[in-house]
Amino acid sequence: MANRKESVEMLRELYAAAEMGAEGSALLMNKSEDSRFSGRLQDYVNKYNGMKEEAARLLSRYGAEPKEAGAMKKSGMWMGVQM
């Protein structure tokens, strides 16, 4: 079984990855002209946000805070979607 430090780090990484997934899906959704595709992306946004909430809840049990994805990762994702 993972120790506390490993569990907190894993949950923080999960939180950041879910944040990136939600933001990336939202960026794509705003660019899409296909309503079915946009609807599917909204489903993903909702699932990613659920993962974020669950990771944050579990982190609070450890007395820890979520760690957001870094600005460089976010800007790289934004640039990739804009191309």
C-alpha atoms as a PDB file:
ATOM      1  CA  MET A   1       0.000   0.000   0.000  1.00  0.00           C
ATOM      2  CA  ALA A   2       1.240   3.470  -0.869  1.00  0.00           C
ATOM      3  CA  ASN A   3       2.311   5.710   1.958  1.00  0.00           C
ATOM      4  CA  ARG A   4       0.697   9.068   2.669  1.00  0.00           C
ATOM      5  CA  LYS A   5       3.213  11.108   0.655  1.00  0.00           C
ATOM      6  CA  GLU A   6       2.825   8.868  -2.412  1.00  0.00           C
ATOM      7  CA  SER A   7      -0.974   8.954  -2.152  1.00  0.00           C
ATOM      8  CA  VAL A   8      -1.032  12.747  -1.900  1.00  0.00           C
ATOM      9  CA  GLU A   9       1.304  13.123  -4.888  1.00  0.00           C
ATOM     10  CA  MET A  10      -0.758  10.672  -6.949  1.00  0.00           C
ATOM     11  CA  LEU A  11      -3.995  12.487  -6.101  1.00  0.00           C
ATOM     12  CA  ARG A  12      -2.426  15.857  -6.921  1.00  0.00           C
ATOM     13  CA  GLU A  13      -1.286  14.546 -10.303  1.00  0.00           C
ATOM     14  CA  LEU A  14      -4.757  13.121 -10.940  1.00  0.00           C
ATOM     15  CA  TYR A  15      -6.303  16.471 -10.060  1.00  0.00           C
ATOM     16  CA  ALA A  16      -3.965  18.357 -12.410  1.00  0.00           C
ATOM     17  CA  ALA A  17      -4.524  15.860 -15.249  1.00  0.00           C
ATOM     18  CA  ALA A  18      -8.306  16.075 -14.852  1.00  0.00           C
ATOM     19  CA  GLU A  19      -8.045  19.864 -14.841  1.00  0.00           C
ATOM     20  CA  MET A  20      -6.093  19.775 -18.102  1.00  0.00           C
ATOM     21  CA  GLY A  21      -8.598  17.351 -19.615  1.00  0.00           C
ATOM     22  CA  ALA A  22     -11.560  19.529 -18.668  1.00  0.00           C
ATOM     23  CA  GLU A  23      -9.925  22.713 -19.934  1.00  0.00           C
ATOM     24  CA  GLY A  24      -8.740  21.098 -23.160  1.00  0.00           C
ATOM     25  CA  SER A  25     -12.166  19.641 -23.858  1.00  0.00           C
ATOM     26  CA  ALA A  26     -13.788  23.018 -23.177  1.00  0.00           C
ATOM     27  CA  LEU A  27     -11.373  24.750 -25.556  1.00  0.00           C
ATOM     28  CA  LEU A  28     -12.201  22.255 -28.293  1.00  0.00           C
ATOM     29  CA  MET A  29     -15.905  22.516 -27.566  1.00  0.00           C
ATOM     30  CA  ASN A  30     -15.749  26.274 -28.142  1.00  0.00           C
ATOM     31  CA  LYS A  31     -14.122  25.717 -31.546  1.00  0.00           C
ATOM     32  CA  SER A  32     -16.461  22.974 -32.733  1.00  0.00           C
ATOM     33  CA  GLU A  33     -19.368  23.673 -35.052  1.00  0.00           C
ATOM     34  CA  ASP A  34     -20.700  20.114 -34.696  1.00  0.00           C
ATOM     35  CA  SER A  35     -23.295  20.009 -31.916  1.00  0.00           C
ATOM     36  CA  ARG A  36     -22.966  16.230 -31.439  1.00  0.00           C
ATOM     37  CA  PHE A  37     -19.202  16.539 -31.025  1.00  0.00           C
ATOM     38  CA  SER A  38     -19.645  19.496 -28.663  1.00  0.00           C
ATOM     39  CA  GLY A  39     -22.116  17.447 -26.640  1.00  0.00           C
ATOM     40  CA  ARG A  40     -19.631  14.594 -26.333  1.00  0.00           C
ATOM     41  CA  LEU A  41     -16.936  17.045 -25.247  1.00  0.00           C
ATOM     42  CA  GLN A  42     -19.311  18.445 -22.604  1.00  0.00           C
ATOM     43  CA  ASP A  43     -19.728  14.895 -21.289  1.00  0.00           C
ATOM     44  CA  TYR A  44     -15.944  14.681 -20.963  1.00  0.00           C
ATOM     45  CA  VAL A  45     -15.781  18.048 -19.202  1.00  0.00           C
ATOM     46  CA  ASN A  46     -18.350  16.800 -16.687  1.00  0.00           C
ATOM     47  CA  LYS A  47     -16.442  13.544 -16.107  1.00  0.00           C
ATOM     48  CA  TYR A  48     -13.124  15.341 -15.691  1.00  0.00           C
ATOM     49  CA  ASN A  49     -14.705  17.779 -13.235  1.00  0.00           C
ATOM     50  CA  GLY A  50     -16.073  14.816 -11.286  1.00  0.00           C
ATOM     51  CA  MET A  51     -12.569  13.344 -11.114  1.00  0.00           C
ATOM     52  CA  LYS A  52     -11.225  16.680  -9.884  1.00  0.00           C
ATOM     53  CA  GLU A  53     -13.871  16.846  -7.162  1.00  0.00           C
ATOM     54  CA  GLU A  54     -13.155  13.281  -6.038  1.00  0.00           C
ATOM     55  CA  ALA A  55      -9.391  13.877  -5.970  1.00  0.00           C
ATOM     56  CA  ALA A  56      -9.904  17.087  -3.964  1.00  0.00           C
ATOM     57  CA  ARG A  57     -12.178  15.262  -1.529  1.00  0.00           C
ATOM     58  CA  LEU A  58      -9.623  12.507  -1.010  1.00  0.00           C
ATOM     59  CA  LEU A  59      -6.818  15.031  -0.640  1.00  0.00           C
ATOM     60  CA  SER A  60      -8.763  16.791   2.106  1.00  0.00           C
ATOM     61  CA  ARG A  61      -8.813  13.500   4.027  1.00  0.00           C
ATOM     62  CA  TYR A  62      -5.022  13.697   4.052  1.00  0.00           C
ATOM     63  CA  GLY A  63      -5.122  17.359   5.052  1.00  0.00           C
ATOM     64  CA  ALA A  64      -3.657  18.301   1.655  1.00  0.00           C
ATOM     65  CA  GLU A  65      -4.654  20.727  -1.070  1.00  0.00           C
ATOM     66  CA  PRO A  66      -4.973  20.032  -4.821  1.00  0.00           C
ATOM     67  CA  LYS A  67      -2.159  21.167  -7.081  1.00  0.00           C
ATOM     68  CA  GLU A  68      -3.263  22.814 -10.304  1.00  0.00           C
ATOM     69  CA  ALA A  69      -1.558  22.201 -13.615  1.00  0.00           C
ATOM     70  CA  GLY A  70       1.273  24.629 -14.337  1.00  0.00           C
ATOM     71  CA  ALA A  71       0.902  27.715 -16.473  1.00  0.00           C
ATOM     72  CA  MET A  72       3.353  26.378 -19.063  1.00  0.00           C
ATOM     73  CA  LYS A  73       1.311  23.211 -19.540  1.00  0.00           C
ATOM     74  CA  LYS A  74      -1.887  25.214 -19.838  1.00  0.00           C
ATOM     75  CA  SER A  75      -0.411  27.645 -22.343  1.00  0.00           C
ATOM     76  CA  GLY A  76       1.023  24.776 -24.386  1.00  0.00           C
ATOM     77  CA  MET A  77      -2.387  23.141 -24.520  1.00  0.00           C
ATOM     78  CA  TRP A  78      -4.037  26.426 -25.497  1.00  0.00           C
ATOM     79  CA  MET A  79      -1.522  26.973 -28.284  1.00  0.00           C
ATOM     80  CA  GLY A  80      -2.023  23.437 -29.558  1.00  0.00           C
ATOM     81  CA  VAL A  81      -5.796  23.904 -29.764  1.00  0.00           C
ATOM     82  CA  GLN A  82      -5.449  27.247 -31.552  1.00  0.00           C
ATOM     83  CA  MET A  83      -3.412  25.746 -34.391  1.00  0.00           C
END
